[in-house]
Amino acid sequence: AGSPSRAGEASSGRAGPRAAQPVPGVSLVEVFGTDDPRGIARAVAACGQRELQAKFQVAYGKTTTSNNNTWLKRKLLEAAGLRSARGKAPGPGSGGGGGSGGGSGGGGGGAPAA
């Protein structure tokens, strides 16, 4: 059950108020054109600002004047259930490892010092 008050309207100074809640009954296909999580992630990543704003309106039932594409993408992924509001879900490329270490040692190679 939701709270009748609108959380986030009296913001505590944090960036990005959390007042917007996804509209119940709006299907993922209606917002993103697919219900496949990878397809949704691709669709969100490929959107320009106006498309993000339009999808936000469909998903949340309200317009946004945000020009912050990162925030818009995060909110759309939250609406799709692909990211929690408290933190991001693990995804490809988000871990450590793989690096390009090795080979940074000195080496000189050449004639020995005399």
PDB file of N, CA and C in Angstrom:
ATOM      1  N   ALA A   1       0.843  -1.185   0.000  1.00  0.00           N
ATOM      2  CA  ALA A   1       0.000   0.000   0.000  1.00  0.00           C
ATOM      3  C   ALA A   1       0.868   1.220   0.000  1.00  0.00           C
ATOM      4  N   GLY A   2       0.496   2.223  -0.764  1.00  0.00           N
ATOM      5  CA  GLY A   2       1.291   3.434  -0.881  1.00  0.00           C
ATOM      6  C   GLY A   2       0.845   4.493   0.097  1.00  0.00           C
ATOM      7  N   SER A   3       1.706   5.427   0.320  1.00  0.00           N
ATOM      8  CA  SER A   3       1.414   6.536   1.211  1.00  0.00           C
ATOM      9  C   SER A   3       0.630   7.597   0.463  1.00  0.00           C
ATOM     10  N   PRO A   4      -0.362   8.229   1.110  1.00  0.00           N
ATOM     11  CA  PRO A   4      -1.120   9.253   0.413  1.00  0.00           C
ATOM     12  C   PRO A   4      -0.316  10.521   0.169  1.00  0.00           C
ATOM     13  N   SER A   5       0.760  10.742   0.926  1.00  0.00           N
ATOM     14  CA  SER A   5       1.573  11.931   0.695  1.00  0.00           C
ATOM     15  C   SER A   5       2.502  11.690  -0.482  1.00  0.00           C
ATOM     16  N   ARG A   6       3.031  12.749  -1.010  1.00  0.00           N
ATOM     17  CA  ARG A   6       3.930  12.638  -2.153  1.00  0.00           C
ATOM     18  C   ARG A   6       5.354  12.766  -1.669  1.00  0.00           C
ATOM     19  N   ALA A   7       6.014  11.659  -1.528  1.00  0.00           N
ATOM     20  CA  ALA A   7       7.392  11.653  -1.055  1.00  0.00           C
ATOM     21  C   ALA A   7       8.271  12.406  -2.035  1.00  0.00           C
ATOM     22  N   GLY A   8       9.185  13.166  -1.507  1.00  0.00           N
ATOM     23  CA  GLY A   8      10.133  13.840  -2.373  1.00  0.00           C
ATOM     24  C   GLY A   8       9.768  15.265  -2.707  1.00  0.00           C
ATOM     25  N   GLU A   9       8.539  15.697  -2.486  1.00  0.00           N
ATOM     26  CA  GLU A   9       8.197  17.074  -2.811  1.00  0.00           C
ATOM     27  C   GLU A   9       8.918  18.033  -1.892  1.00  0.00           C
ATOM     28  N   ALA A  10       9.036  17.692  -0.643  1.00  0.00           N
ATOM     29  CA  ALA A  10       9.831  18.483   0.281  1.00  0.00           C
ATOM     30  C   ALA A  10      11.159  17.759   0.401  1.00  0.00           C
ATOM     31  N   SER A  11      11.995  17.936  -0.569  1.00  0.00           N
ATOM     32  CA  SER A  11      13.238  17.199  -0.679  1.00  0.00           C
ATOM     33  C   SER A  11      14.201  17.566   0.437  1.00  0.00           C
ATOM     34  N   SER A  12      15.010  16.622   0.834  1.00  0.00           N
ATOM     35  CA  SER A  12      15.971  16.837   1.903  1.00  0.00           C
ATOM     36  C   SER A  12      17.311  17.292   1.359  1.00  0.00           C
ATOM     37  N   GLY A  13      17.316  17.871   0.176  1.00  0.00           N
ATOM     38  CA  GLY A  13      18.553  18.366  -0.390  1.00  0.00           C
ATOM     39  C   GLY A  13      19.238  17.384  -1.310  1.00  0.00           C
ATOM     40  N   ARG A  14      18.754  16.170  -1.387  1.00  0.00           N
ATOM     41  CA  ARG A  14      19.340  15.199  -2.301  1.00  0.00           C
ATOM     42  C   ARG A  14      18.933  15.536  -3.719  1.00  0.00           C
ATOM     43  N   ALA A  15      19.800  15.219  -4.644  1.00  0.00           N
ATOM     44  CA  ALA A  15      19.467  15.439  -6.054  1.00  0.00           C
ATOM     45  C   ALA A  15      18.415  14.439  -6.496  1.00  0.00           C
ATOM     46  N   GLY A  16      17.473  14.877  -7.287  1.00  0.00           N
ATOM     47  CA  GLY A  16      16.465  13.997  -7.856  1.00  0.00           C
ATOM     48  C   GLY A  16      15.408  13.558  -6.869  1.00  0.00           C
ATOM     49  N   PRO A  17      14.343  14.338  -6.684  1.00  0.00           N
ATOM     50  CA  PRO A  17      13.280  13.908  -5.782  1.00  0.00           C
ATOM     51  C   PRO A  17      12.667  12.597  -6.250  1.00  0.00           C
ATOM     52  N   ARG A  18      12.210  11.796  -5.309  1.00  0.00           N
ATOM     53  CA  ARG A  18      11.685  10.473  -5.646  1.00  0.00           C
ATOM     54  C   ARG A  18      10.171  10.448  -5.592  1.00  0.00           C
ATOM     55  N   ALA A  19       9.513  11.496  -6.042  1.00  0.00           N
ATOM     56  CA  ALA A  19       8.062  11.564  -5.982  1.00  0.00           C
ATOM     57  C   ALA A  19       7.399  10.679  -7.035  1.00  0.00           C
ATOM     58  N   ALA A  20       8.021  10.506  -8.164  1.00  0.00           N
ATOM     59  CA  ALA A  20       7.403   9.775  -9.265  1.00  0.00           C
ATOM     60  C   ALA A  20       7.311   8.291  -8.958  1.00  0.00           C
ATOM     61  N   GLN A  21       6.130   7.746  -9.160  1.00  0.00           N
ATOM     62  CA  GLN A  21       5.886   6.314  -9.015  1.00  0.00           C
ATOM     63  C   GLN A  21       5.315   5.808 -10.329  1.00  0.00           C
ATOM     64  N   PRO A  22       5.757   4.623 -10.808  1.00  0.00           N
ATOM     65  CA  PRO A  22       5.218   4.097 -12.068  1.00  0.00           C
ATOM     66  C   PRO A  22       3.694   3.958 -12.008  1.00  0.00           C
ATOM     67  N   VAL A  23       3.061   4.183 -13.134  1.00  0.00           N
ATOM     68  CA  VAL A  23       1.610   4.072 -13.228  1.00  0.00           C
ATOM     69  C   VAL A  23       1.229   2.602 -13.187  1.00  0.00           C
ATOM     70  N   PRO A  24       0.353   2.206 -12.242  1.00  0.00           N
ATOM     71  CA  PRO A  24      -0.071   0.809 -12.202  1.00  0.00           C
ATOM     72  C   PRO A  24      -0.839   0.437 -13.471  1.00  0.00           C
ATOM     73  N   GLY A  25      -0.614  -0.740 -13.963  1.00  0.00           N
ATOM     74  CA  GLY A  25      -1.357  -1.229 -15.117  1.00  0.00           C
ATOM     75  C   GLY A  25      -0.755  -0.875 -16.466  1.00  0.00           C
ATOM     76  N   VAL A  26       0.276  -0.045 -16.500  1.00  0.00           N
ATOM     77  CA  VAL A  26       0.921   0.280 -17.770  1.00  0.00           C
ATOM     78  C   VAL A  26       1.896  -0.849 -18.085  1.00  0.00           C
ATOM     79  N   SER A  27       1.765  -1.438 -19.258  1.00  0.00           N
ATOM     80  CA  SER A  27       2.608  -2.580 -19.599  1.00  0.00           C
ATOM     81  C   SER A  27       3.975  -2.128 -20.093  1.00  0.00           C
ATOM     82  N   LEU A  28       4.959  -2.996 -19.908  1.00  0.00           N
ATOM     83  CA  LEU A  28       6.302  -2.710 -20.388  1.00  0.00           C
ATOM     84  C   LEU A  28       6.313  -2.554 -21.902  1.00  0.00           C
ATOM     85  N   VAL A  29       5.493  -3.347 -22.581  1.00  0.00           N
ATOM     86  CA  VAL A  29       5.423  -3.261 -24.042  1.00  0.00           C
ATOM     87  C   VAL A  29       4.909  -1.888 -24.455  1.00  0.00           C
ATOM     88  N   GLU A  30       3.944  -1.374 -23.707  1.00  0.00           N
ATOM     89  CA  GLU A  30       3.386  -0.058 -24.013  1.00  0.00           C
ATOM     90  C   GLU A  30       4.440   1.039 -23.886  1.00  0.00           C
ATOM     91  N   VAL A  31       5.313   0.914 -22.901  1.00  0.00           N
ATOM     92  CA  VAL A  31       6.336   1.940 -22.677  1.00  0.00           C
ATOM     93  C   VAL A  31       7.565   1.709 -23.556  1.00  0.00           C
ATOM     94  N   PHE A  32       8.057   0.468 -23.604  1.00  0.00           N
ATOM     95  CA  PHE A  32       9.352   0.188 -24.222  1.00  0.00           C
ATOM     96  C   PHE A  32       9.280  -0.575 -25.534  1.00  0.00           C
ATOM     97  N   GLY A  33       8.111  -1.071 -25.908  1.00  0.00           N
ATOM     98  CA  GLY A  33       7.981  -1.827 -27.139  1.00  0.00           C
ATOM     99  C   GLY A  33       8.344  -3.293 -26.998  1.00  0.00           C
ATOM    100  N   THR A  34       8.733  -3.712 -25.801  1.00  0.00           N
ATOM    101  CA  THR A  34       9.100  -5.101 -25.533  1.00  0.00           C
ATOM    102  C   THR A  34       8.988  -5.352 -24.043  1.00  0.00           C
ATOM    103  N   ASP A  35       8.916  -6.631 -23.661  1.00  0.00           N
ATOM    104  CA  ASP A  35       8.963  -6.947 -22.239  1.00  0.00           C
ATOM    105  C   ASP A  35      10.228  -7.726 -21.898  1.00  0.00           C
ATOM    106  N   ASP A  36      11.115  -7.862 -22.875  1.00  0.00           N
ATOM    107  CA  ASP A  36      12.395  -8.528 -22.681  1.00  0.00           C
ATOM    108  C   ASP A  36      13.357  -7.567 -21.969  1.00  0.00           C
ATOM    109  N   PRO A  37      13.920  -7.966 -20.828  1.00  0.00           N
ATOM    110  CA  PRO A  37      14.804  -7.061 -20.086  1.00  0.00           C
ATOM    111  C   PRO A  37      15.964  -6.499 -20.907  1.00  0.00           C
ATOM    112  N   ARG A  38      16.588  -7.339 -21.722  1.00  0.00           N
ATOM    113  CA  ARG A  38      17.697  -6.843 -22.544  1.00  0.00           C
ATOM    114  C   ARG A  38      17.206  -5.859 -23.598  1.00  0.00           C
ATOM    115  N   GLY A  39      16.040  -6.139 -24.170  1.00  0.00           N
ATOM    116  CA  GLY A  39      15.457  -5.235 -25.154  1.00  0.00           C
ATOM    117  C   GLY A  39      15.097  -3.892 -24.536  1.00  0.00           C
ATOM    118  N   ILE A  40      14.583  -3.934 -23.298  1.00  0.00           N
ATOM    119  CA  ILE A  40      14.256  -2.696 -22.599  1.00  0.00           C
ATOM    120  C   ILE A  40      15.521  -1.896 -22.344  1.00  0.00           C
ATOM    121  N   ALA A  41      16.559  -2.547 -21.850  1.00  0.00           N
ATOM    122  CA  ALA A  41      17.821  -1.858 -21.572  1.00  0.00           C
ATOM    123  C   ALA A  41      18.390  -1.238 -22.844  1.00  0.00           C
ATOM    124  N   ARG A  42      18.312  -1.969 -23.957  1.00  0.00           N
ATOM    125  CA  ARG A  42      18.795  -1.432 -25.240  1.00  0.00           C
ATOM    126  C   ARG A  42      17.956  -0.247 -25.687  1.00  0.00           C
ATOM    127  N   ALA A  43      16.639  -0.372 -25.541  1.00  0.00           N
ATOM    128  CA  ALA A  43      15.739   0.705 -25.959  1.00  0.00           C
ATOM    129  C   ALA A  43      16.005   1.976 -25.164  1.00  0.00           C
ATOM    130  N   VAL A  44      16.186   1.829 -23.859  1.00  0.00           N
ATOM    131  CA  VAL A  44      16.454   2.999 -23.010  1.00  0.00           C
ATOM    132  C   VAL A  44      17.795   3.617 -23.382  1.00  0.00           C
ATOM    133  N   ALA A  45      18.806   2.779 -23.577  1.00  0.00           N
ATOM    134  CA  ALA A  45      20.142   3.286 -23.909  1.00  0.00           C
ATOM    135  C   ALA A  45      20.164   4.033 -25.234  1.00  0.00           C
ATOM    136  N   ALA A  46      19.317   3.627 -26.172  1.00  0.00           N
ATOM    137  CA  ALA A  46      19.317   4.219 -27.502  1.00  0.00           C
ATOM    138  C   ALA A  46      18.486   5.498 -27.609  1.00  0.00           C
ATOM    139  N   CYS A  47      17.707   5.810 -26.587  1.00  0.00           N
ATOM    140  CA  CYS A  47      16.808   6.969 -26.652  1.00  0.00           C
ATOM    141  C   CYS A  47      17.539   8.290 -26.520  1.00  0.00           C
ATOM    142  N   GLY A  48      17.049   9.264 -27.255  1.00  0.00           N
ATOM    143  CA  GLY A  48      17.478  10.643 -27.072  1.00  0.00           C
ATOM    144  C   GLY A  48      16.644  11.269 -25.965  1.00  0.00           C
ATOM    145  N   GLN A  49      16.953  12.505 -25.634  1.00  0.00           N
ATOM    146  CA  GLN A  49      16.289  13.162 -24.514  1.00  0.00           C
ATOM    147  C   GLN A  49      14.779  13.262 -24.666  1.00  0.00           C
ATOM    148  N   ARG A  50      14.290  13.664 -25.818  1.00  0.00           N
ATOM    149  CA  ARG A  50      12.837  13.788 -26.007  1.00  0.00           C
ATOM    150  C   ARG A  50      12.141  12.437 -25.897  1.00  0.00           C
ATOM    151  N   GLU A  51      12.776  11.399 -26.430  1.00  0.00           N
ATOM    152  CA  GLU A  51      12.194  10.050 -26.308  1.00  0.00           C
ATOM    153  C   GLU A  51      12.168   9.603 -24.853  1.00  0.00           C
ATOM    154  N   LEU A  52      13.240   9.891 -24.115  1.00  0.00           N
ATOM    155  CA  LEU A  52      13.276   9.543 -22.698  1.00  0.00           C
ATOM    156  C   LEU A  52      12.161  10.252 -21.944  1.00  0.00           C
ATOM    157  N   GLN A  53      11.979  11.534 -22.227  1.00  0.00           N
ATOM    158  CA  GLN A  53      10.926  12.299 -21.567  1.00  0.00           C
ATOM    159  C   GLN A  53       9.544  11.747 -21.912  1.00  0.00           C
ATOM    160  N   ALA A  54       9.341  11.351 -23.173  1.00  0.00           N
ATOM    161  CA  ALA A  54       8.051  10.797 -23.595  1.00  0.00           C
ATOM    162  C   ALA A  54       7.790   9.453 -22.914  1.00  0.00           C
ATOM    163  N   LYS A  55       8.803   8.597 -22.829  1.00  0.00           N
ATOM    164  CA  LYS A  55       8.648   7.299 -22.170  1.00  0.00           C
ATOM    165  C   LYS A  55       8.416   7.499 -20.675  1.00  0.00           C
ATOM    166  N   PHE A  56       9.075   8.494 -20.089  1.00  0.00           N
ATOM    167  CA  PHE A  56       8.858   8.803 -18.674  1.00  0.00           C
ATOM    168  C   PHE A  56       7.395   9.156 -18.442  1.00  0.00           C
ATOM    169  N   GLN A  57       6.823   9.962 -19.345  1.00  0.00           N
ATOM    170  CA  GLN A  57       5.426  10.348 -19.166  1.00  0.00           C
ATOM    171  C   GLN A  57       4.496   9.141 -19.226  1.00  0.00           C
ATOM    172  N   VAL A  58       4.752   8.230 -20.153  1.00  0.00           N
ATOM    173  CA  VAL A  58       3.915   7.031 -20.262  1.00  0.00           C
ATOM    174  C   VAL A  58       4.087   6.168 -19.011  1.00  0.00           C
ATOM    175  N   ALA A  59       5.332   5.982 -18.572  1.00  0.00           N
ATOM    176  CA  ALA A  59       5.608   5.097 -17.439  1.00  0.00           C
ATOM    177  C   ALA A  59       5.117   5.666 -16.115  1.00  0.00           C
ATOM    178  N   TYR A  60       5.257   6.987 -15.923  1.00  0.00           N
ATOM    179  CA  TYR A  60       4.950   7.597 -14.633  1.00  0.00           C
ATOM    180  C   TYR A  60       3.674   8.427 -14.623  1.00  0.00           C
ATOM    181  N   GLY A  61       3.095   8.668 -15.792  1.00  0.00           N
ATOM    182  CA  GLY A  61       1.848   9.416 -15.844  1.00  0.00           C
ATOM    183  C   GLY A  61       1.998  10.889 -15.587  1.00  0.00           C
ATOM    184  N   LYS A  62       3.203  11.409 -15.693  1.00  0.00           N
ATOM    185  CA  LYS A  62       3.428  12.839 -15.519  1.00  0.00           C
ATOM    186  C   LYS A  62       4.592  13.279 -16.399  1.00  0.00           C
ATOM    187  N   THR A  63       4.540  14.519 -16.807  1.00  0.00           N
ATOM    188  CA  THR A  63       5.617  15.044 -17.641  1.00  0.00           C
ATOM    189  C   THR A  63       6.812  15.381 -16.763  1.00  0.00           C
ATOM    190  N   THR A  64       7.950  15.467 -17.384  1.00  0.00           N
ATOM    191  CA  THR A  64       9.158  15.855 -16.679  1.00  0.00           C
ATOM    192  C   THR A  64       9.862  16.935 -17.477  1.00  0.00           C
ATOM    193  N   THR A  65      10.483  17.832 -16.768  1.00  0.00           N
ATOM    194  CA  THR A  65      11.287  18.862 -17.432  1.00  0.00           C
ATOM    195  C   THR A  65      12.764  18.564 -17.249  1.00  0.00           C
ATOM    196  N   SER A  66      13.070  17.386 -16.725  1.00  0.00           N
ATOM    197  CA  SER A  66      14.468  17.031 -16.498  1.00  0.00           C
ATOM    198  C   SER A  66      15.205  16.909 -17.822  1.00  0.00           C
ATOM    199  N   ASN A  67      16.367  17.502 -17.866  1.00  0.00           N
ATOM    200  CA  ASN A  67      17.255  17.358 -19.018  1.00  0.00           C
ATOM    201  C   ASN A  67      18.405  16.412 -18.695  1.00  0.00           C
ATOM    202  N   ASN A  68      18.319  15.748 -17.552  1.00  0.00           N
ATOM    203  CA  ASN A  68      19.371  14.847 -17.102  1.00  0.00           C
ATOM    204  C   ASN A  68      19.073  13.443 -17.644  1.00  0.00           C
ATOM    205  N   ASN A  69      19.711  13.113 -18.751  1.00  0.00           N
ATOM    206  CA  ASN A  69      19.446  11.823 -19.401  1.00  0.00           C
ATOM    207  C   ASN A  69      19.795  10.636 -18.515  1.00  0.00           C
ATOM    208  N   THR A  70      20.839  10.763 -17.707  1.00  0.00           N
ATOM    209  CA  THR A  70      21.213   9.667 -16.817  1.00  0.00           C
ATOM    210  C   THR A  70      20.097   9.399 -15.813  1.00  0.00           C
ATOM    211  N   TRP A  71      19.525  10.462 -15.238  1.00  0.00           N
ATOM    212  CA  TRP A  71      18.431  10.311 -14.283  1.00  0.00           C
ATOM    213  C   TRP A  71      17.201   9.719 -14.968  1.00  0.00           C
ATOM    214  N   LEU A  72      16.875  10.224 -16.162  1.00  0.00           N
ATOM    215  CA  LEU A  72      15.720   9.710 -16.895  1.00  0.00           C
ATOM    216  C   LEU A  72      15.882   8.221 -17.191  1.00  0.00           C
ATOM    217  N   LYS A  73      17.056   7.827 -17.633  1.00  0.00           N
ATOM    218  CA  LYS A  73      17.306   6.412 -17.931  1.00  0.00           C
ATOM    219  C   LYS A  73      17.184   5.569 -16.668  1.00  0.00           C
ATOM    220  N   ARG A  74      17.733   6.060 -15.555  1.00  0.00           N
ATOM    221  CA  ARG A  74      17.640   5.324 -14.296  1.00  0.00           C
ATOM    222  C   ARG A  74      16.188   5.146 -13.874  1.00  0.00           C
ATOM    223  N   LYS A  75      15.391   6.217 -13.976  1.00  0.00           N
ATOM    224  CA  LYS A  75      13.989   6.138 -13.581  1.00  0.00           C
ATOM    225  C   LYS A  75      13.215   5.173 -14.486  1.00  0.00           C
ATOM    226  N   LEU A  76      13.514   5.155 -15.769  1.00  0.00           N
ATOM    227  CA  LEU A  76      12.840   4.233 -16.679  1.00  0.00           C
ATOM    228  C   LEU A  76      13.215   2.788 -16.372  1.00  0.00           C
ATOM    229  N   LEU A  77      14.486   2.547 -16.057  1.00  0.00           N
ATOM    230  CA  LEU A  77      14.898   1.193 -15.690  1.00  0.00           C
ATOM    231  C   LEU A  77      14.263   0.778 -14.366  1.00  0.00           C
ATOM    232  N   GLU A  78      14.093   1.728 -13.437  1.00  0.00           N
ATOM    233  CA  GLU A  78      13.385   1.438 -12.188  1.00  0.00           C
ATOM    234  C   GLU A  78      11.934   1.070 -12.478  1.00  0.00           C
ATOM    235  N   ALA A  79      11.292   1.819 -13.370  1.00  0.00           N
ATOM    236  CA  ALA A  79       9.889   1.544 -13.711  1.00  0.00           C
ATOM    237  C   ALA A  79       9.739   0.156 -14.327  1.00  0.00           C
ATOM    238  N   ALA A  80      10.756  -0.283 -15.048  1.00  0.00           N
ATOM    239  CA  ALA A  80      10.720  -1.603 -15.678  1.00  0.00           C
ATOM    240  C   ALA A  80      11.122  -2.711 -14.709  1.00  0.00           C
ATOM    241  N   GLY A  81      11.556  -2.338 -13.513  1.00  0.00           N
ATOM    242  CA  GLY A  81      11.980  -3.333 -12.536  1.00  0.00           C
ATOM    243  C   GLY A  81      13.373  -3.861 -12.779  1.00  0.00           C
ATOM    244  N   LEU A  82      14.140  -3.168 -13.592  1.00  0.00           N
ATOM    245  CA  LEU A  82      15.491  -3.626 -13.905  1.00  0.00           C
ATOM    246  C   LEU A  82      16.542  -2.990 -13.014  1.00  0.00           C
ATOM    247  N   ARG A  83      16.109  -2.077 -12.178  1.00  0.00           N
ATOM    248  CA  ARG A  83      17.017  -1.404 -11.265  1.00  0.00           C
ATOM    249  C   ARG A  83      16.202  -1.018 -10.040  1.00  0.00           C
ATOM    250  N   SER A  84      16.771  -1.182  -8.869  1.00  0.00           N
ATOM    251  CA  SER A  84      16.040  -0.806  -7.665  1.00  0.00           C
ATOM    252  C   SER A  84      16.241   0.673  -7.404  1.00  0.00           C
ATOM    253  N   ALA A  85      15.326   1.271  -6.686  1.00  0.00           N
ATOM    254  CA  ALA A  85      15.428   2.688  -6.368  1.00  0.00           C
ATOM    255  C   ALA A  85      16.560   2.951  -5.381  1.00  0.00           C
ATOM    256  N   ARG A  86      17.000   1.942  -4.656  1.00  0.00           N
ATOM    257  CA  ARG A  86      18.037   2.125  -3.640  1.00  0.00           C
ATOM    258  C   ARG A  86      19.438   1.938  -4.193  1.00  0.00           C
ATOM    259  N   GLY A  87      19.583   1.199  -5.237  1.00  0.00           N
ATOM    260  CA  GLY A  87      20.910   0.946  -5.775  1.00  0.00           C
ATOM    261  C   GLY A  87      20.798   0.264  -7.111  1.00  0.00           C
ATOM    262  N   LYS A  88      21.885   0.205  -7.819  1.00  0.00           N
ATOM    263  CA  LYS A  88      21.769  -0.388  -9.141  1.00  0.00           C
ATOM    264  C   LYS A  88      21.946  -1.891  -9.107  1.00  0.00           C
ATOM    265  N   ALA A  89      21.250  -2.524 -10.020  1.00  0.00           N
ATOM    266  CA  ALA A  89      21.377  -3.970 -10.159  1.00  0.00           C
ATOM    267  C   ALA A  89      22.677  -4.272 -10.877  1.00  0.00           C
ATOM    268  N   PRO A  90      23.294  -5.396 -10.562  1.00  0.00           N
ATOM    269  CA  PRO A  90      24.525  -5.749 -11.263  1.00  0.00           C
ATOM    270  C   PRO A  90      24.257  -5.973 -12.739  1.00  0.00           C
ATOM    271  N   GLY A  91      25.151  -5.529 -13.552  1.00  0.00           N
ATOM    272  CA  GLY A  91      24.982  -5.704 -14.980  1.00  0.00           C
ATOM    273  C   GLY A  91      26.310  -5.975 -15.634  1.00  0.00           C
ATOM    274  N   PRO A  92      26.280  -6.213 -16.924  1.00  0.00           N
ATOM    275  CA  PRO A  92      27.537  -6.481 -17.619  1.00  0.00           C
ATOM    276  C   PRO A  92      28.448  -5.270 -17.556  1.00  0.00           C
ATOM    277  N   GLY A  93      29.716  -5.527 -17.340  1.00  0.00           N
ATOM    278  CA  GLY A  93      30.685  -4.446 -17.324  1.00  0.00           C
ATOM    279  C   GLY A  93      30.722  -3.679 -16.016  1.00  0.00           C
ATOM    280  N   SER A  94      30.001  -4.127 -14.991  1.00  0.00           N
ATOM    281  CA  SER A  94      29.983  -3.360 -13.756  1.00  0.00           C
ATOM    282  C   SER A  94      30.953  -3.907 -12.718  1.00  0.00           C
ATOM    283  N   GLY A  95      31.671  -4.958 -13.043  1.00  0.00           N
ATOM    284  CA  GLY A  95      32.566  -5.538 -12.060  1.00  0.00           C
ATOM    285  C   GLY A  95      34.004  -5.144 -12.291  1.00  0.00           C
ATOM    286  N   GLY A  96      34.848  -5.586 -11.407  1.00  0.00           N
ATOM    287  CA  GLY A  96      36.270  -5.330 -11.577  1.00  0.00           C
ATOM    288  C   GLY A  96      36.832  -6.371 -12.505  1.00  0.00           C
ATOM    289  N   GLY A  97      38.047  -6.648 -12.385  1.00  0.00           N
ATOM    290  CA  GLY A  97      38.635  -7.717 -13.169  1.00  0.00           C
ATOM    291  C   GLY A  97      38.902  -7.317 -14.592  1.00  0.00           C
ATOM    292  N   GLY A  98      39.462  -8.205 -15.300  1.00  0.00           N
ATOM    293  CA  GLY A  98      39.698  -7.970 -16.697  1.00  0.00           C
ATOM    294  C   GLY A  98      40.832  -7.021 -16.980  1.00  0.00           C
ATOM    295  N   GLY A  99      41.248  -6.215 -16.191  1.00  0.00           N
ATOM    296  CA  GLY A  99      42.148  -5.107 -16.427  1.00  0.00           C
ATOM    297  C   GLY A  99      43.249  -5.345 -17.435  1.00  0.00           C
ATOM    298  N   SER A 100      44.007  -4.379 -17.660  1.00  0.00           N
ATOM    299  CA  SER A 100      45.082  -4.485 -18.640  1.00  0.00           C
ATOM    300  C   SER A 100      46.412  -4.311 -17.953  1.00  0.00           C
ATOM    301  N   GLY A 101      46.603  -4.974 -16.853  1.00  0.00           N
ATOM    302  CA  GLY A 101      47.809  -4.823 -16.059  1.00  0.00           C
ATOM    303  C   GLY A 101      49.045  -5.264 -16.811  1.00  0.00           C
ATOM    304  N   GLY A 102      49.936  -5.872 -16.171  1.00  0.00           N
ATOM    305  CA  GLY A 102      51.116  -6.460 -16.768  1.00  0.00           C
ATOM    306  C   GLY A 102      52.008  -5.491 -17.533  1.00  0.00           C
ATOM    307  N   GLY A 103      53.228  -5.796 -17.640  1.00  0.00           N
ATOM    308  CA  GLY A 103      54.127  -5.081 -18.506  1.00  0.00           C
ATOM    309  C   GLY A 103      54.488  -3.664 -18.116  1.00  0.00           C
ATOM    310  N   SER A 104      54.210  -3.230 -16.903  1.00  0.00           N
ATOM    311  CA  SER A 104      54.550  -1.859 -16.601  1.00  0.00           C
ATOM    312  C   SER A 104      55.921  -1.750 -15.956  1.00  0.00           C
ATOM    313  N   GLY A 105      56.556  -2.875 -15.741  1.00  0.00           N
ATOM    314  CA  GLY A 105      57.875  -2.850 -15.116  1.00  0.00           C
ATOM    315  C   GLY A 105      58.908  -2.264 -16.082  1.00  0.00           C
ATOM    316  N   GLY A 106      59.955  -1.904 -15.612  1.00  0.00           N
ATOM    317  CA  GLY A 106      60.988  -1.249 -16.368  1.00  0.00           C
ATOM    318  C   GLY A 106      61.674  -2.182 -17.317  1.00  0.00           C
ATOM    319  N   GLY A 107      62.442  -2.110 -17.850  1.00  0.00           N
ATOM    320  CA  GLY A 107      63.031  -3.044 -18.699  1.00  0.00           C
ATOM    321  C   GLY A 107      64.170  -2.546 -19.427  1.00  0.00           C
ATOM    322  N   GLY A 108      64.547  -1.794 -19.703  1.00  0.00           N
ATOM    323  CA  GLY A 108      65.724  -1.370 -20.376  1.00  0.00           C
ATOM    324  C   GLY A 108      66.199  -2.311 -21.434  1.00  0.00           C
ATOM    325  N   GLY A 109      66.441  -3.364 -21.444  1.00  0.00           N
ATOM    326  CA  GLY A 109      66.881  -4.216 -22.507  1.00  0.00           C
ATOM    327  C   GLY A 109      68.144  -3.786 -23.170  1.00  0.00           C
ATOM    328  N   GLY A 110      68.970  -3.674 -23.441  1.00  0.00           N
ATOM    329  CA  GLY A 110      70.119  -3.116 -24.054  1.00  0.00           C
ATOM    330  C   GLY A 110      71.370  -3.579 -23.384  1.00  0.00           C
ATOM    331  N   ALA A 111      72.408  -2.821 -23.538  1.00  0.00           N
ATOM    332  CA  ALA A 111      73.726  -3.202 -23.014  1.00  0.00           C
ATOM    333  C   ALA A 111      73.776  -3.067 -21.487  1.00  0.00           C
ATOM    334  N   PRO A 112      74.487  -3.991 -20.838  1.00  0.00           N
ATOM    335  CA  PRO A 112      74.620  -3.908 -19.393  1.00  0.00           C
ATOM    336  C   PRO A 112      75.489  -2.719 -19.002  1.00  0.00           C
ATOM    337  N   ALA A 113      75.271  -2.218 -17.819  1.00  0.00           N
ATOM    338  CA  ALA A 113      76.063  -1.074 -17.342  1.00  0.00           C
ATOM    339  C   ALA A 113      77.499  -1.519 -17.116  1.00  0.00           C
ATOM    340  N   ALA A 114      78.436  -0.695 -17.426  1.00  0.00           N
ATOM    341  CA  ALA A 114      79.826  -1.079 -17.298  1.00  0.00           C
ATOM    342  C   ALA A 114      80.474  -0.525 -16.076  1.00  0.00           C
TER     343      ALA A 114
END
